[in-house]
N, C-alpha and C. Protein backbone atom coordinates (compact mmCIF):
# COMPACT_ATOMS: atom_id res chain seq x y z
N MET A 1 28.89 -116.94 192.11
CA MET A 1 29.23 -117.00 190.96
C MET A 1 30.58 -116.90 190.82
N VAL A 2 31.32 -117.91 190.28
CA VAL A 2 32.56 -117.78 189.97
C VAL A 2 33.22 -116.59 189.51
N VAL A 3 32.55 -116.08 188.19
CA VAL A 3 32.59 -115.11 187.53
C VAL A 3 32.68 -113.76 188.47
N ASP A 4 31.78 -113.54 189.47
CA ASP A 4 31.88 -112.66 190.38
C ASP A 4 33.07 -112.51 191.38
N GLU A 5 33.49 -113.79 191.69
CA GLU A 5 34.55 -114.13 192.64
C GLU A 5 35.81 -113.63 192.01
N LEU A 6 36.04 -113.98 190.84
CA LEU A 6 37.53 -113.72 190.03
C LEU A 6 37.28 -112.29 189.64
N SER A 7 38.52 -111.47 189.73
CA SER A 7 38.47 -110.23 189.11
C SER A 7 38.75 -110.29 187.84
N ASP A 8 38.65 -109.29 187.06
CA ASP A 8 38.86 -109.23 185.42
C ASP A 8 40.13 -109.61 185.14
N ALA A 9 41.18 -109.29 186.12
CA ALA A 9 42.61 -109.54 185.84
C ALA A 9 42.75 -110.81 185.99
N GLU A 10 42.07 -111.64 186.87
CA GLU A 10 42.46 -112.82 187.26
C GLU A 10 41.52 -113.78 185.98
N VAL A 11 40.55 -113.41 185.61
CA VAL A 11 40.03 -113.80 184.16
C VAL A 11 40.58 -113.70 183.03
N ASP A 12 41.51 -112.63 182.74
CA ASP A 12 42.02 -112.39 181.65
C ASP A 12 43.33 -113.28 181.87
N ARG A 13 43.98 -113.52 183.01
CA ARG A 13 45.04 -114.32 183.14
C ARG A 13 44.67 -115.76 182.86
N LEU A 14 43.64 -116.54 183.37
CA LEU A 14 43.03 -117.41 182.88
C LEU A 14 43.02 -117.78 181.37
N PHE A 15 42.33 -116.99 180.53
CA PHE A 15 41.94 -116.95 179.03
C PHE A 15 43.45 -117.03 178.38
N GLN A 16 44.18 -115.79 178.99
CA GLN A 16 45.77 -115.80 178.42
C GLN A 16 46.29 -117.05 178.44
N ALA A 17 46.26 -117.83 179.64
CA ALA A 17 47.06 -119.14 179.96
C ALA A 17 46.45 -120.17 178.81
N PHE A 18 45.24 -120.17 178.78
CA PHE A 18 44.40 -121.25 177.76
C PHE A 18 44.47 -120.81 176.20
N ALA A 19 44.85 -119.64 176.12
CA ALA A 19 44.84 -119.36 174.57
C ALA A 19 46.21 -119.99 173.93
N ASP A 20 47.05 -120.27 174.48
CA ASP A 20 48.15 -121.18 173.72
C ASP A 20 48.18 -122.60 173.77
N ALA A 21 48.38 -123.07 172.63
CA ALA A 21 48.68 -124.79 172.61
C ALA A 21 49.67 -125.33 173.33
N THR A 22 50.80 -124.62 173.54
CA THR A 22 51.95 -125.12 174.22
C THR A 22 51.44 -125.19 175.67
N ARG A 23 50.88 -123.88 176.19
CA ARG A 23 50.38 -123.77 177.64
C ARG A 23 49.49 -125.10 177.83
N ARG A 24 48.42 -124.93 176.86
CA ARG A 24 47.42 -126.03 177.35
C ARG A 24 48.08 -127.79 177.02
N ASP A 25 49.41 -127.62 176.47
CA ASP A 25 49.81 -129.11 176.09
C ASP A 25 50.71 -129.30 177.80
N ILE A 26 51.30 -128.31 178.27
CA ILE A 26 51.97 -128.35 179.55
C ILE A 26 51.14 -128.58 180.58
N LEU A 27 49.93 -127.75 180.51
CA LEU A 27 48.96 -128.46 181.62
C LEU A 27 48.54 -129.70 181.38
N ALA A 28 48.40 -130.27 180.31
CA ALA A 28 47.90 -131.63 180.34
C ALA A 28 48.80 -132.48 180.67
N ARG A 29 50.42 -132.23 180.48
CA ARG A 29 51.14 -133.16 180.96
C ARG A 29 51.50 -133.25 182.55
N ALA A 30 51.23 -132.08 183.03
CA ALA A 30 51.40 -131.93 184.45
C ALA A 30 50.25 -132.58 185.11
N LEU A 31 49.07 -132.55 184.52
CA LEU A 31 47.80 -133.50 184.78
C LEU A 31 48.21 -134.79 185.26
N VAL A 32 49.08 -135.50 184.19
CA VAL A 32 49.51 -136.50 184.36
C VAL A 32 50.37 -137.02 185.28
N SER A 33 51.46 -136.36 185.38
CA SER A 33 52.55 -136.51 186.06
C SER A 33 53.27 -134.97 186.66
N ASP A 34 54.11 -135.11 187.57
CA ASP A 34 54.86 -133.98 187.74
C ASP A 34 55.97 -133.91 187.02
N TYR A 35 56.32 -132.63 186.41
CA TYR A 35 57.55 -132.55 185.53
C TYR A 35 58.47 -131.58 185.82
N SER A 36 59.69 -131.59 185.82
CA SER A 36 60.57 -130.32 186.15
C SER A 36 60.48 -129.52 184.87
N VAL A 37 60.90 -128.25 184.93
CA VAL A 37 60.61 -127.52 183.74
C VAL A 37 61.76 -127.78 182.91
N SER A 38 62.93 -128.24 183.08
CA SER A 38 63.62 -128.94 182.06
C SER A 38 63.22 -130.22 181.49
N GLY A 39 62.28 -131.14 182.46
CA GLY A 39 61.73 -132.30 181.55
C GLY A 39 60.66 -131.94 180.78
N LEU A 40 59.86 -130.90 181.02
CA LEU A 40 58.90 -130.20 180.04
C LEU A 40 59.19 -129.63 178.95
N ALA A 41 60.67 -128.96 178.77
CA ALA A 41 61.54 -128.22 177.79
C ALA A 41 61.67 -129.41 176.74
N ALA A 42 62.02 -130.93 177.29
CA ALA A 42 62.51 -131.45 176.28
C ALA A 42 61.35 -132.10 175.39
N HIS A 43 60.18 -131.95 175.44
CA HIS A 43 58.97 -131.99 174.76
C HIS A 43 58.95 -131.12 173.95
N TYR A 44 59.41 -130.00 173.83
CA TYR A 44 59.28 -128.92 172.61
C TYR A 44 60.42 -128.54 171.99
N ALA A 45 60.17 -127.99 170.95
CA ALA A 45 60.98 -127.30 169.80
C ALA A 45 61.25 -125.91 170.05
N MET A 46 61.62 -125.62 171.46
CA MET A 46 61.85 -124.22 171.86
C MET A 46 62.98 -124.20 172.89
N SER A 47 63.21 -123.31 173.35
CA SER A 47 64.51 -122.92 174.43
C SER A 47 63.81 -123.30 175.65
N PHE A 48 64.72 -123.51 176.34
CA PHE A 48 64.32 -123.95 178.01
C PHE A 48 63.83 -122.58 178.47
N ALA A 49 64.48 -121.43 178.03
CA ALA A 49 63.74 -119.83 178.59
C ALA A 49 62.47 -120.10 178.11
N ALA A 50 61.98 -120.38 176.92
CA ALA A 50 60.57 -120.15 176.28
C ALA A 50 59.53 -121.06 177.24
N VAL A 51 60.02 -122.21 177.39
CA VAL A 51 59.31 -123.14 178.22
C VAL A 51 58.99 -122.55 179.76
N GLN A 52 60.18 -121.90 180.45
CA GLN A 52 60.04 -121.24 181.78
C GLN A 52 58.77 -120.08 181.57
N LYS A 53 58.74 -119.33 180.56
CA LYS A 53 57.79 -118.31 180.47
C LYS A 53 56.43 -118.78 180.09
N HIS A 54 56.15 -119.95 179.45
CA HIS A 54 54.72 -120.46 179.42
C HIS A 54 54.42 -121.07 180.82
N VAL A 55 55.40 -121.85 181.59
CA VAL A 55 55.03 -122.11 182.89
C VAL A 55 54.68 -120.67 183.85
N ALA A 56 55.26 -119.86 183.57
CA ALA A 56 55.29 -118.71 184.49
C ALA A 56 53.89 -118.22 184.20
N VAL A 57 53.40 -118.15 183.02
CA VAL A 57 52.05 -117.74 182.70
C VAL A 57 51.10 -118.30 183.09
N LEU A 58 51.10 -119.71 183.47
CA LEU A 58 50.48 -120.97 183.97
C LEU A 58 50.17 -120.34 185.56
N GLU A 59 51.43 -120.43 185.95
CA GLU A 59 51.60 -119.95 187.23
C GLU A 59 50.83 -118.74 187.67
N ARG A 60 51.11 -117.50 187.07
CA ARG A 60 50.12 -116.30 187.19
C ARG A 60 48.83 -116.62 187.19
N ALA A 61 48.40 -117.51 186.44
CA ALA A 61 46.86 -117.89 186.39
C ALA A 61 46.58 -118.63 187.36
N SER A 62 47.23 -119.07 188.52
CA SER A 62 47.08 -120.15 189.49
C SER A 62 46.67 -121.63 188.89
N LEU A 63 47.32 -122.09 187.52
CA LEU A 63 46.76 -123.34 187.24
C LEU A 63 48.15 -124.12 187.44
N VAL A 64 49.26 -123.94 187.68
CA VAL A 64 50.19 -124.63 188.12
C VAL A 64 51.07 -124.04 189.57
N THR A 65 51.86 -124.66 190.09
CA THR A 65 52.76 -124.52 190.99
C THR A 65 54.01 -125.08 190.57
N LYS A 66 55.03 -124.30 191.19
CA LYS A 66 56.35 -124.49 190.97
C LYS A 66 56.98 -124.98 192.26
N GLU A 67 57.82 -126.36 192.95
CA GLU A 67 58.11 -126.38 193.93
C GLU A 67 59.72 -126.82 193.54
N LYS A 68 60.54 -126.16 194.43
CA LYS A 68 62.02 -126.38 194.13
C LYS A 68 62.32 -127.58 194.81
N ARG A 69 63.07 -128.54 193.94
CA ARG A 69 63.41 -129.78 194.46
C ARG A 69 64.87 -130.03 194.01
N GLY A 70 65.84 -129.47 194.77
CA GLY A 70 67.24 -129.86 194.69
C GLY A 70 67.60 -128.41 193.58
N ARG A 71 67.81 -128.89 192.48
CA ARG A 71 68.49 -127.78 191.74
C ARG A 71 67.14 -127.75 190.60
N GLU A 72 66.35 -128.51 190.73
CA GLU A 72 65.04 -128.58 189.62
C GLU A 72 63.64 -127.81 190.20
N GLN A 73 63.03 -127.12 189.60
CA GLN A 73 61.69 -126.51 189.57
C GLN A 73 60.84 -127.68 189.18
N ILE A 74 60.05 -128.47 190.13
CA ILE A 74 58.94 -129.24 189.67
C ILE A 74 57.50 -128.51 189.47
N VAL A 75 56.89 -128.67 188.34
CA VAL A 75 55.93 -128.04 188.05
C VAL A 75 54.44 -129.07 188.46
N ARG A 76 53.57 -128.93 188.94
CA ARG A 76 52.27 -129.35 189.40
C ARG A 76 51.14 -128.57 189.13
N VAL A 77 50.15 -129.05 188.77
CA VAL A 77 48.96 -128.45 188.42
C VAL A 77 48.36 -128.23 189.85
N HIS A 78 47.84 -126.90 189.94
CA HIS A 78 47.09 -126.55 191.03
C HIS A 78 45.57 -126.74 191.10
N LEU A 79 45.45 -127.90 191.60
CA LEU A 79 43.99 -128.35 191.41
C LEU A 79 42.92 -127.46 191.53
N ASP A 80 42.97 -126.38 192.85
CA ASP A 80 41.99 -125.41 193.13
C ASP A 80 41.89 -124.42 191.99
N GLY A 81 43.03 -123.92 191.46
CA GLY A 81 43.14 -123.03 190.23
C GLY A 81 42.24 -123.87 189.07
N LEU A 82 42.53 -124.83 188.74
CA LEU A 82 41.96 -125.42 187.60
C LEU A 82 40.27 -125.71 187.79
N ARG A 83 40.03 -125.87 189.14
CA ARG A 83 38.80 -126.17 189.40
C ARG A 83 37.85 -124.67 189.34
N ARG A 84 38.71 -123.62 189.54
CA ARG A 84 37.89 -122.30 189.64
C ARG A 84 37.77 -121.95 187.92
N ALA A 85 38.85 -122.24 187.06
CA ALA A 85 38.51 -122.29 185.97
C ALA A 85 37.47 -123.07 185.14
N GLN A 86 37.31 -124.34 185.67
CA GLN A 86 36.37 -124.87 185.24
C GLN A 86 34.84 -124.42 185.60
N ARG A 87 34.83 -123.94 186.98
CA ARG A 87 33.45 -123.30 187.21
C ARG A 87 33.20 -122.12 186.52
N LEU A 88 33.89 -121.37 186.04
CA LEU A 88 33.97 -120.13 185.40
C LEU A 88 33.42 -120.68 184.09
N LEU A 89 33.99 -121.58 183.24
CA LEU A 89 33.59 -122.16 181.98
C LEU A 89 32.01 -122.57 182.12
N GLU A 90 31.89 -123.37 183.14
CA GLU A 90 30.63 -123.77 183.45
C GLU A 90 29.63 -122.66 183.44
N GLU A 91 29.80 -121.53 184.37
CA GLU A 91 29.06 -120.49 184.07
C GLU A 91 28.89 -119.74 182.71
N TYR A 92 29.82 -119.91 182.23
CA TYR A 92 29.57 -119.15 180.68
C TYR A 92 28.75 -119.96 179.76
N GLU A 93 28.91 -121.20 180.20
CA GLU A 93 28.21 -122.35 179.26
C GLU A 93 26.67 -122.21 179.45
N VAL A 94 26.32 -121.89 181.04
CA VAL A 94 24.96 -121.60 181.39
C VAL A 94 24.30 -120.40 180.85
N ILE A 95 25.26 -119.41 180.86
CA ILE A 95 24.80 -118.06 180.13
C ILE A 95 24.42 -118.26 178.60
N TRP A 96 25.26 -119.09 178.08
CA TRP A 96 25.10 -119.13 176.43
C TRP A 96 23.92 -120.00 176.22
N ARG A 97 23.62 -121.15 177.09
CA ARG A 97 22.47 -122.05 176.91
C ARG A 97 21.26 -121.26 177.24
N GLN A 98 21.34 -120.39 178.27
CA GLN A 98 20.09 -119.41 178.31
C GLN A 98 19.66 -118.83 177.10
N ARG A 99 20.73 -118.05 176.52
CA ARG A 99 20.69 -117.21 175.41
C ARG A 99 19.93 -118.23 174.14
N VAL A 100 20.55 -119.40 174.08
CA VAL A 100 20.05 -120.23 172.87
C VAL A 100 18.60 -120.52 173.40
N ASP A 101 18.18 -120.95 174.53
CA ASP A 101 16.85 -121.18 174.83
C ASP A 101 16.05 -119.89 174.48
N ARG A 102 16.34 -118.72 174.79
CA ARG A 102 15.61 -117.66 174.56
C ARG A 102 15.34 -117.46 173.15
N ILE A 103 16.68 -117.59 172.23
CA ILE A 103 16.48 -117.59 170.99
C ILE A 103 15.39 -118.70 170.24
N SER A 104 15.28 -119.82 171.05
CA SER A 104 14.62 -120.75 170.33
C SER A 104 13.19 -120.40 170.76
N ASP A 105 12.86 -119.94 172.01
CA ASP A 105 11.34 -119.26 172.36
C ASP A 105 11.05 -118.31 171.48
N ILE A 106 11.90 -117.33 170.86
CA ILE A 106 11.53 -116.39 169.91
C ILE A 106 11.08 -116.85 168.60
N LEU A 107 12.18 -118.00 168.19
CA LEU A 107 11.72 -118.44 167.08
C LEU A 107 10.38 -119.32 166.91
N ALA A 108 10.17 -120.08 167.83
CA ALA A 108 8.94 -120.85 168.17
C ALA A 108 7.59 -119.81 168.17
N GLU A 109 7.84 -118.67 168.75
CA GLU A 109 6.80 -117.69 168.85
C GLU A 109 6.63 -117.06 167.49
N GLU A 110 7.69 -116.62 166.62
CA GLU A 110 7.65 -116.60 165.47
C GLU A 110 6.96 -117.29 164.55
N GLU A 111 7.37 -118.62 164.37
CA GLU A 111 6.69 -119.64 163.65
C GLU A 111 5.07 -119.88 163.96
N GLY A 112 4.83 -119.36 165.51
CA GLY A 112 3.48 -119.67 165.67
C GLY A 112 2.48 -118.37 165.15
N LYS A 113 3.09 -117.37 165.04
CA LYS A 113 2.54 -116.28 164.46
C LYS A 113 2.41 -116.19 163.02
N SER A 114 3.18 -116.73 162.30
CA SER A 114 3.49 -116.58 160.82
C SER A 114 2.37 -117.46 160.22
N PRO A 115 1.47 -116.95 159.53
CA PRO A 115 0.65 -117.64 158.59
C PRO A 115 1.27 -118.87 157.95
N SER A 116 0.79 -120.18 157.63
CA SER A 116 1.39 -121.25 157.10
C SER A 116 0.45 -121.62 155.95
């Protein structure tokens, strides 16, 4: 189970990374194409330093990597990190589906017991 494979700190970093719309947008852009940090910064009404901080959060969550190319840092999606996040969310989905199924079973039992 991925939840067991990831430490609480790693899960916190993933959810912190996904919690911000700019970081989700950076991730979506990086999925389509490699971007330099300055290339990403051109898409947002914020400073280059602010975009760098968003990229750093994504990097700490292992969702992107940076590679130095000349004077620029190229941002790429780290597919293994993204797959781990996907598996984590799928496991949470399974847990919630099981809860919904149990609630449905309880409600069905209650309907069967009640006089109509």
